Amino acid sequence: MRFRRFHLPRRKDGSLLAGAPTGAPGQGPDDTADPDPELDLDADGRITADSLAAVRAAAERGRPVAMANYGTALHAAGDRAGALHWYTRSWEAGNVIAGFNLGTLHQTAGDLRRARLVWEQAADLGDVDAMLGLVKLAFERDDRPTIERWVRRIHAQDLAFPITAVGVAFATHGYTSDALAAFAIAADLGDAYAMEYQAEILTARGEHERADALRARAANAERMY
């Protein structure tokens, strides 16, 4: 499984963002009336010093989005301790995406208990990436009830990428029927990746005609992420 939004994510206009506050678990300030400064990249793809300084200043003023963006910049620079500090502050101020990133830091450090606790809170607030994180952890424990609980929530989102990711997780762990069901849902939502994954399984089963039809659909479909 792949996790999204951990590295420097972008808005459609190309600017960088780590997520907006939600009002939970804490009550952060209203960021909508006074937009946060954004992280800008230079021609070589590096964060500009001026934009980093502006984001840091906003983070130090307690802005949840700026705190998350600053944490993301620090993580990209290899400063895990700094990223942990600012993600934690942003999460406590109500930024759910920062919670997902915080859980990912704990998970990559091997602290699965903390990762699970944070992701459970973020998932309960509707963050689909946190739901995927919980599914991944549950597969590692072979905890089928937890897998099914969060997979139902993920399927209900009607978002192709996370449903395709669920299908990959099922396929990786040998649950072929569940994988096909997930891929079929994501394929109906238009994801070319899901169609291709589904076709691979059908080919292995000898269902070449169905597999070829799916690959033909995938050639003209969007690759969703």
C-alpha atoms as a PDB file:
ATOM      1  CA  MET A   1       0.000   0.000   0.000  1.00  0.00           C
ATOM      2  CA  ARG A   2       1.055   3.550  -0.650  1.00  0.00           C
ATOM      3  CA  PHE A   3       0.316   6.442   1.662  1.00  0.00           C
ATOM      4  CA  ARG A   4      -0.662   9.798   0.280  1.00  0.00           C
ATOM      5  CA  ARG A   5      -0.055  13.320   1.538  1.00  0.00           C
ATOM      6  CA  PHE A   6       3.112  12.459   3.418  1.00  0.00           C
ATOM      7  CA  HIS A   7       5.471  14.298   1.106  1.00  0.00           C
ATOM      8  CA  LEU A   8       4.904  17.833  -0.148  1.00  0.00           C
ATOM      9  CA  PRO A   9       1.393  17.666  -1.646  1.00  0.00           C
ATOM     10  CA  ARG A  10       0.092  20.213  -4.106  1.00  0.00           C
ATOM     11  CA  ARG A  11      -3.100  22.073  -4.863  1.00  0.00           C
ATOM     12  CA  LYS A  12      -4.335  22.084  -8.449  1.00  0.00           C
ATOM     13  CA  ASP A  13      -2.554  25.410  -8.989  1.00  0.00           C
ATOM     14  CA  GLY A  14       0.775  23.812  -8.045  1.00  0.00           C
ATOM     15  CA  SER A  15       1.122  25.315  -4.574  1.00  0.00           C
ATOM     16  CA  LEU A  16       1.970  23.069  -1.646  1.00  0.00           C
ATOM     17  CA  LEU A  17      -0.425  22.111   1.121  1.00  0.00           C
ATOM     18  CA  ALA A  18      -0.482  19.701   4.039  1.00  0.00           C
ATOM     19  CA  GLY A  19      -4.127  20.024   4.931  1.00  0.00           C
ATOM     20  CA  ALA A  20      -6.799  22.234   6.366  1.00  0.00           C
ATOM     21  CA  PRO A  21      -7.987  22.220   9.975  1.00  0.00           C
ATOM     22  CA  THR A  22     -11.210  20.490  10.822  1.00  0.00           C
ATOM     23  CA  GLY A  23     -11.946  21.739  14.316  1.00  0.00           C
ATOM     24  CA  ALA A  24     -11.090  18.357  15.850  1.00  0.00           C
ATOM     25  CA  PRO A  25      -9.542  16.983  17.974  1.00  0.00           C
ATOM     26  CA  GLY A  26      -8.684  20.488  19.135  1.00  0.00           C
ATOM     27  CA  GLN A  27     -10.167  23.839  18.239  1.00  0.00           C
ATOM     28  CA  GLY A  28      -7.714  25.611  15.969  1.00  0.00           C
ATOM     29  CA  PRO A  29      -8.017  29.198  14.776  1.00  0.00           C
ATOM     30  CA  ASP A  30     -10.068  30.036  11.719  1.00  0.00           C
ATOM     31  CA  ASP A  31      -7.681  29.752   8.754  1.00  0.00           C
ATOM     32  CA  THR A  32     -10.257  30.595   6.112  1.00  0.00           C
ATOM     33  CA  ALA A  33     -10.410  34.353   6.734  1.00  0.00           C
ATOM     34  CA  ASP A  34      -6.627  34.812   6.599  1.00  0.00           C
ATOM     35  CA  PRO A  35      -4.988  32.295   4.224  1.00  0.00           C
ATOM     36  CA  ASP A  36      -1.718  30.727   5.303  1.00  0.00           C
ATOM     37  CA  PRO A  37       1.533  31.361   3.432  1.00  0.00           C
ATOM     38  CA  GLU A  38       2.432  28.550   1.081  1.00  0.00           C
ATOM     39  CA  LEU A  39       5.609  26.597   0.410  1.00  0.00           C
ATOM     40  CA  ASP A  40       6.998  27.505  -3.010  1.00  0.00           C
ATOM     41  CA  LEU A  41       9.605  25.628  -5.025  1.00  0.00           C
ATOM     42  CA  ASP A  42      12.455  27.086  -7.044  1.00  0.00           C
ATOM     43  CA  ALA A  43      13.449  25.950 -10.530  1.00  0.00           C
ATOM     44  CA  ASP A  44      15.406  23.032  -9.039  1.00  0.00           C
ATOM     45  CA  GLY A  45      12.448  21.793  -6.996  1.00  0.00           C
ATOM     46  CA  ARG A  46      13.757  23.044  -3.658  1.00  0.00           C
ATOM     47  CA  ILE A  47      11.641  24.969  -1.172  1.00  0.00           C
ATOM     48  CA  THR A  48      12.501  28.643  -1.371  1.00  0.00           C
ATOM     49  CA  ALA A  49      14.020  30.202   1.724  1.00  0.00           C
ATOM     50  CA  ASP A  50      11.507  33.070   1.757  1.00  0.00           C
ATOM     51  CA  SER A  51       8.447  30.820   1.616  1.00  0.00           C
ATOM     52  CA  LEU A  52       9.893  28.496   4.262  1.00  0.00           C
ATOM     53  CA  ALA A  53      10.520  31.456   6.572  1.00  0.00           C
ATOM     54  CA  ALA A  54       6.960  32.715   6.054  1.00  0.00           C
ATOM     55  CA  VAL A  55       5.478  29.274   6.768  1.00  0.00           C
ATOM     56  CA  ARG A  56       7.632  28.900   9.868  1.00  0.00           C
ATOM     57  CA  ALA A  57       6.511  32.295  11.162  1.00  0.00           C
ATOM     58  CA  ALA A  58       2.863  31.354  10.630  1.00  0.00           C
ATOM     59  CA  ALA A  59       3.444  28.006  12.337  1.00  0.00           C
ATOM     60  CA  GLU A  60       4.967  29.736  15.334  1.00  0.00           C
ATOM     61  CA  ARG A  61       1.832  31.908  15.513  1.00  0.00           C
ATOM     62  CA  GLY A  62      -0.203  28.716  15.933  1.00  0.00           C
ATOM     63  CA  ARG A  63      -1.699  28.324  12.459  1.00  0.00           C
ATOM     64  CA  PRO A  64      -2.661  24.617  12.037  1.00  0.00           C
ATOM     65  CA  VAL A  65      -2.095  24.408   8.269  1.00  0.00           C
ATOM     66  CA  ALA A  66       1.220  26.249   8.511  1.00  0.00           C
ATOM     67  CA  MET A  67       2.321  23.955  11.329  1.00  0.00           C
ATOM     68  CA  ALA A  68       1.570  20.922   9.160  1.00  0.00           C
ATOM     69  CA  ASN A  69       3.273  22.435   6.130  1.00  0.00           C
ATOM     70  CA  TYR A  70       6.331  23.331   8.177  1.00  0.00           C
ATOM     71  CA  GLY A  71       6.442  19.801   9.560  1.00  0.00           C
ATOM     72  CA  THR A  72       6.268  18.459   6.011  1.00  0.00           C
ATOM     73  CA  ALA A  73       9.142  20.700   4.947  1.00  0.00           C
ATOM     74  CA  LEU A  74      11.240  19.555   7.904  1.00  0.00           C
ATOM     75  CA  HIS A  75      10.516  15.921   7.151  1.00  0.00           C
ATOM     76  CA  ALA A  76      11.548  16.434   3.530  1.00  0.00           C
ATOM     77  CA  ALA A  77      14.812  17.906   4.844  1.00  0.00           C
ATOM     78  CA  GLY A  78      15.434  14.849   7.030  1.00  0.00           C
ATOM     79  CA  ASP A  79      14.507  16.447  10.350  1.00  0.00           C
ATOM     80  CA  ARG A  80      12.251  13.780  11.814  1.00  0.00           C
ATOM     81  CA  ALA A  81      12.206  15.286  15.310  1.00  0.00           C
ATOM     82  CA  GLY A  82      11.149  18.653  13.951  1.00  0.00           C
ATOM     83  CA  ALA A  83       8.476  17.084  11.760  1.00  0.00           C
ATOM     84  CA  LEU A  84       7.173  15.118  14.747  1.00  0.00           C
ATOM     85  CA  HIS A  85       6.955  18.293  16.828  1.00  0.00           C
ATOM     86  CA  TRP A  86       5.046  20.327  14.252  1.00  0.00           C
ATOM     87  CA  TYR A  87       2.755  17.519  13.108  1.00  0.00           C
ATOM     88  CA  THR A  88       1.854  16.900  16.735  1.00  0.00           C
ATOM     89  CA  ARG A  89       1.085  20.572  17.318  1.00  0.00           C
ATOM     90  CA  SER A  90      -0.975  20.783  14.122  1.00  0.00           C
ATOM     91  CA  TRP A  91      -2.896  17.604  14.966  1.00  0.00           C
ATOM     92  CA  GLU A  92      -3.632  18.849  18.472  1.00  0.00           C
ATOM     93  CA  ALA A  93      -4.873  22.105  16.915  1.00  0.00           C
ATOM     94  CA  GLY A  94      -7.378  20.184  14.786  1.00  0.00           C
ATOM     95  CA  ASN A  95      -5.666  19.355  11.501  1.00  0.00           C
ATOM     96  CA  VAL A  96      -6.706  15.830  10.538  1.00  0.00           C
ATOM     97  CA  ILE A  97      -4.208  15.484   7.701  1.00  0.00           C
ATOM     98  CA  ALA A  98      -1.442  16.290  10.165  1.00  0.00           C
ATOM     99  CA  GLY A  99      -2.811  13.416  12.232  1.00  0.00           C
ATOM    100  CA  PHE A 100      -2.419  11.070   9.291  1.00  0.00           C
ATOM    101  CA  ASN A 101       1.157  12.262   8.771  1.00  0.00           C
ATOM    102  CA  LEU A 102       1.897  11.977  12.486  1.00  0.00           C
ATOM    103  CA  GLY A 103       0.679   8.396  12.477  1.00  0.00           C
ATOM    104  CA  THR A 104       2.859   7.690   9.459  1.00  0.00           C
ATOM    105  CA  LEU A 105       5.915   8.998  11.290  1.00  0.00           C
ATOM    106  CA  HIS A 106       5.153   6.684  14.210  1.00  0.00           C
ATOM    107  CA  GLN A 107       4.572   3.772  11.849  1.00  0.00           C
ATOM    108  CA  THR A 108       7.838   4.244   9.966  1.00  0.00           C
ATOM    109  CA  ALA A 109       9.653   4.497  13.300  1.00  0.00           C
ATOM    110  CA  GLY A 110       8.189   1.140  14.321  1.00  0.00           C
ATOM    111  CA  ASP A 111       5.829   2.523  16.989  1.00  0.00           C
ATOM    112  CA  LEU A 112       2.725   0.773  15.702  1.00  0.00           C
ATOM    113  CA  ARG A 113       0.720   1.367  18.867  1.00  0.00           C
ATOM    114  CA  ARG A 114       1.008   5.137  18.568  1.00  0.00           C
ATOM    115  CA  ALA A 115       0.407   4.990  14.823  1.00  0.00           C
ATOM    116  CA  ARG A 116      -2.781   3.007  15.369  1.00  0.00           C
ATOM    117  CA  LEU A 117      -4.062   5.335  18.098  1.00  0.00           C
ATOM    118  CA  VAL A 118      -3.597   8.454  15.976  1.00  0.00           C
ATOM    119  CA  TRP A 119      -4.950   6.862  12.809  1.00  0.00           C
ATOM    120  CA  GLU A 120      -8.026   5.606  14.651  1.00  0.00           C
ATOM    121  CA  GLN A 121      -8.851   9.135  15.739  1.00  0.00           C
ATOM    122  CA  ALA A 122      -8.203  10.557  12.267  1.00  0.00           C
ATOM    123  CA  ALA A 123     -10.188   7.759  10.615  1.00  0.00           C
ATOM    124  CA  ASP A 124     -13.137   8.355  12.941  1.00  0.00           C
ATOM    125  CA  LEU A 125     -13.050  11.951  11.682  1.00  0.00           C
ATOM    126  CA  GLY A 126     -13.332  10.678   8.110  1.00  0.00           C
ATOM    127  CA  ASP A 127      -9.719  10.637   6.882  1.00  0.00           C
ATOM    128  CA  VAL A 128      -9.556   7.873   4.280  1.00  0.00           C
ATOM    129  CA  ASP A 129      -5.742   7.696   4.315  1.00  0.00           C
ATOM    130  CA  ALA A 130      -5.844   6.943   8.023  1.00  0.00           C
ATOM    131  CA  MET A 131      -8.391   4.201   7.280  1.00  0.00           C
ATOM    132  CA  LEU A 132      -5.930   2.703   4.797  1.00  0.00           C
ATOM    133  CA  GLY A 133      -3.201   2.860   7.420  1.00  0.00           C
ATOM    134  CA  LEU A 134      -5.385   0.941   9.844  1.00  0.00           C
ATOM    135  CA  VAL A 135      -6.152  -1.671   7.195  1.00  0.00           C
ATOM    136  CA  LYS A 136      -2.415  -2.121   6.583  1.00  0.00           C
ATOM    137  CA  LEU A 137      -1.725  -2.577  10.287  1.00  0.00           C
ATOM    138  CA  ALA A 138      -4.642  -4.989  10.613  1.00  0.00           C
ATOM    139  CA  PHE A 139      -3.310  -7.134   7.771  1.00  0.00           C
ATOM    140  CA  GLU A 140       0.023  -7.379   9.595  1.00  0.00           C
ATOM    141  CA  ARG A 141      -1.860  -8.747  12.632  1.00  0.00           C
ATOM    142  CA  ASP A 142      -4.248 -10.851  10.506  1.00  0.00           C
ATOM    143  CA  ASP A 143      -7.065  -8.989  12.252  1.00  0.00           C
ATOM    144  CA  ARG A 144      -9.931  -9.677   9.877  1.00  0.00           C
ATOM    145  CA  PRO A 145     -12.697  -7.907  11.872  1.00  0.00           C
ATOM    146  CA  THR A 146     -10.698  -4.666  11.870  1.00  0.00           C
ATOM    147  CA  ILE A 147      -9.926  -5.053   8.170  1.00  0.00           C
ATOM    148  CA  GLU A 148     -13.597  -5.494   7.343  1.00  0.00           C
ATOM    149  CA  ARG A 149     -14.641  -2.576   9.540  1.00  0.00           C
ATOM    150  CA  TRP A 150     -12.415  -0.062   7.794  1.00  0.00           C
ATOM    151  CA  VAL A 151     -12.782  -1.536   4.320  1.00  0.00           C
ATOM    152  CA  ARG A 152     -16.538  -0.930   4.557  1.00  0.00           C
ATOM    153  CA  ARG A 153     -15.828   2.686   5.475  1.00  0.00           C
ATOM    154  CA  ILE A 154     -13.356   3.049   2.613  1.00  0.00           C
ATOM    155  CA  HIS A 155     -15.767   1.586   0.059  1.00  0.00           C
ATOM    156  CA  ALA A 156     -18.436   4.023   1.243  1.00  0.00           C
ATOM    157  CA  GLN A 157     -16.215   6.979   0.291  1.00  0.00           C
ATOM    158  CA  ASP A 158     -16.668   6.323  -3.459  1.00  0.00           C
ATOM    159  CA  LEU A 159     -13.043   7.376  -4.047  1.00  0.00           C
ATOM    160  CA  ALA A 160     -11.189   5.215  -6.548  1.00  0.00           C
ATOM    161  CA  PHE A 161      -7.632   5.417  -5.211  1.00  0.00           C
ATOM    162  CA  PRO A 162      -8.222   4.126  -1.670  1.00  0.00           C
ATOM    163  CA  ILE A 163     -10.508   1.369  -2.945  1.00  0.00           C
ATOM    164  CA  THR A 164      -7.839   0.270  -5.428  1.00  0.00           C
ATOM    165  CA  ALA A 165      -5.302   0.339  -2.579  1.00  0.00           C
ATOM    166  CA  VAL A 166      -7.597  -1.923  -0.554  1.00  0.00           C
ATOM    167  CA  GLY A 167      -7.720  -4.310  -3.510  1.00  0.00           C
ATOM    168  CA  VAL A 168      -3.919  -4.394  -3.670  1.00  0.00           C
ATOM    169  CA  ALA A 169      -3.737  -5.141   0.051  1.00  0.00           C
ATOM    170  CA  PHE A 170      -6.205  -8.009  -0.284  1.00  0.00           C
ATOM    171  CA  ALA A 171      -4.356  -9.419  -3.320  1.00  0.00           C
ATOM    172  CA  THR A 172      -0.974  -9.167  -1.580  1.00  0.00           C
ATOM    173  CA  HIS A 173      -2.276 -11.219   1.346  1.00  0.00           C
ATOM    174  CA  GLY A 174      -3.970 -13.844  -0.812  1.00  0.00           C
ATOM    175  CA  TYR A 175      -7.608 -12.731  -0.519  1.00  0.00           C
ATOM    176  CA  THR A 176      -8.266 -12.881  -4.248  1.00  0.00           C
ATOM    177  CA  SER A 177     -12.063 -12.685  -4.161  1.00  0.00           C
ATOM    178  CA  ASP A 178     -11.983  -9.644  -1.889  1.00  0.00           C
ATOM    179  CA  ALA A 179      -9.358  -8.063  -4.133  1.00  0.00           C
ATOM    180  CA  LEU A 180     -11.500  -8.583  -7.221  1.00  0.00           C
ATOM    181  CA  ALA A 181     -14.507  -7.066  -5.470  1.00  0.00           C
ATOM    182  CA  ALA A 182     -12.521  -3.957  -4.541  1.00  0.00           C
ATOM    183  CA  PHE A 183     -11.002  -3.633  -8.005  1.00  0.00           C
ATOM    184  CA  ALA A 184     -14.448  -3.952  -9.579  1.00  0.00           C
ATOM    185  CA  ILE A 185     -15.753  -1.069  -7.470  1.00  0.00           C
ATOM    186  CA  ALA A 186     -12.769   1.121  -8.317  1.00  0.00           C
ATOM    187  CA  ALA A 187     -12.989   0.171 -11.986  1.00  0.00           C
ATOM    188  CA  ASP A 188     -16.634   1.259 -12.034  1.00  0.00           C
ATOM    189  CA  LEU A 189     -15.389   4.591 -10.653  1.00  0.00           C
ATOM    190  CA  GLY A 190     -13.096   4.830 -13.686  1.00  0.00           C
ATOM    191  CA  ASP A 191      -9.666   3.858 -12.318  1.00  0.00           C
ATOM    192  CA  ALA A 192      -7.375   2.350 -14.963  1.00  0.00           C
ATOM    193  CA  TYR A 193      -5.093   0.864 -12.310  1.00  0.00           C
ATOM    194  CA  ALA A 194      -7.982  -1.100 -10.826  1.00  0.00           C
ATOM    195  CA  MET A 195      -8.911  -2.433 -14.262  1.00  0.00           C
ATOM    196  CA  GLU A 196      -5.343  -3.590 -14.863  1.00  0.00           C
ATOM    197  CA  TYR A 197      -5.031  -5.250 -11.451  1.00  0.00           C
ATOM    198  CA  GLN A 198      -8.345  -6.989 -12.012  1.00  0.00           C
ATOM    199  CA  ALA A 199      -7.171  -8.125 -15.446  1.00  0.00           C
ATOM    200  CA  GLU A 200      -3.990  -9.632 -13.953  1.00  0.00           C
ATOM    201  CA  ILE A 201      -6.016 -11.808 -11.599  1.00  0.00           C
ATOM    202  CA  LEU A 202      -8.408 -12.871 -14.350  1.00  0.00           C
ATOM    203  CA  THR A 203      -5.496 -13.755 -16.624  1.00  0.00           C
ATOM    204  CA  ALA A 204      -4.016 -15.953 -13.914  1.00  0.00           C
ATOM    205  CA  ARG A 205      -7.392 -17.666 -13.702  1.00  0.00           C
ATOM    206  CA  GLY A 206      -7.448 -18.236 -17.448  1.00  0.00           C
ATOM    207  CA  GLU A 207     -10.279 -15.748 -18.064  1.00  0.00           C
ATOM    208  CA  HIS A 208      -8.450 -14.108 -20.942  1.00  0.00           C
ATOM    209  CA  GLU A 209     -11.447 -12.607 -22.723  1.00  0.00           C
ATOM    210  CA  ARG A 210     -12.585 -10.681 -19.642  1.00  0.00           C
ATOM    211  CA  ALA A 211      -9.015  -9.652 -18.899  1.00  0.00           C
ATOM    212  CA  ASP A 212      -8.488  -8.332 -22.428  1.00  0.00           C
ATOM    213  CA  ALA A 213     -11.727  -6.335 -22.219  1.00  0.00           C
ATOM    214  CA  LEU A 214     -10.572  -4.737 -18.970  1.00  0.00           C
ATOM    215  CA  ARG A 215      -7.191  -3.837 -20.434  1.00  0.00           C
ATOM    216  CA  ALA A 216      -8.919  -2.240 -23.401  1.00  0.00           C
ATOM    217  CA  ARG A 217     -11.013  -0.153 -20.982  1.00  0.00           C
ATOM    218  CA  ALA A 218      -7.912   0.778 -18.996  1.00  0.00           C
ATOM    219  CA  ALA A 219      -6.175   2.105 -22.112  1.00  0.00           C
ATOM    220  CA  ASN A 220      -8.767   4.892 -22.306  1.00  0.00           C
ATOM    221  CA  ALA A 221      -9.369   5.401 -18.580  1.00  0.00           C
ATOM    222  CA  GLU A 222      -7.851   7.752 -16.042  1.00  0.00           C
ATOM    223  CA  ARG A 223      -5.123   6.601 -13.674  1.00  0.00           C
ATOM    224  CA  MET A 224      -6.416   7.866 -10.383  1.00  0.00           C
ATOM    225  CA  TYR A 225      -4.263   8.791  -7.416  1.00  0.00           C
END
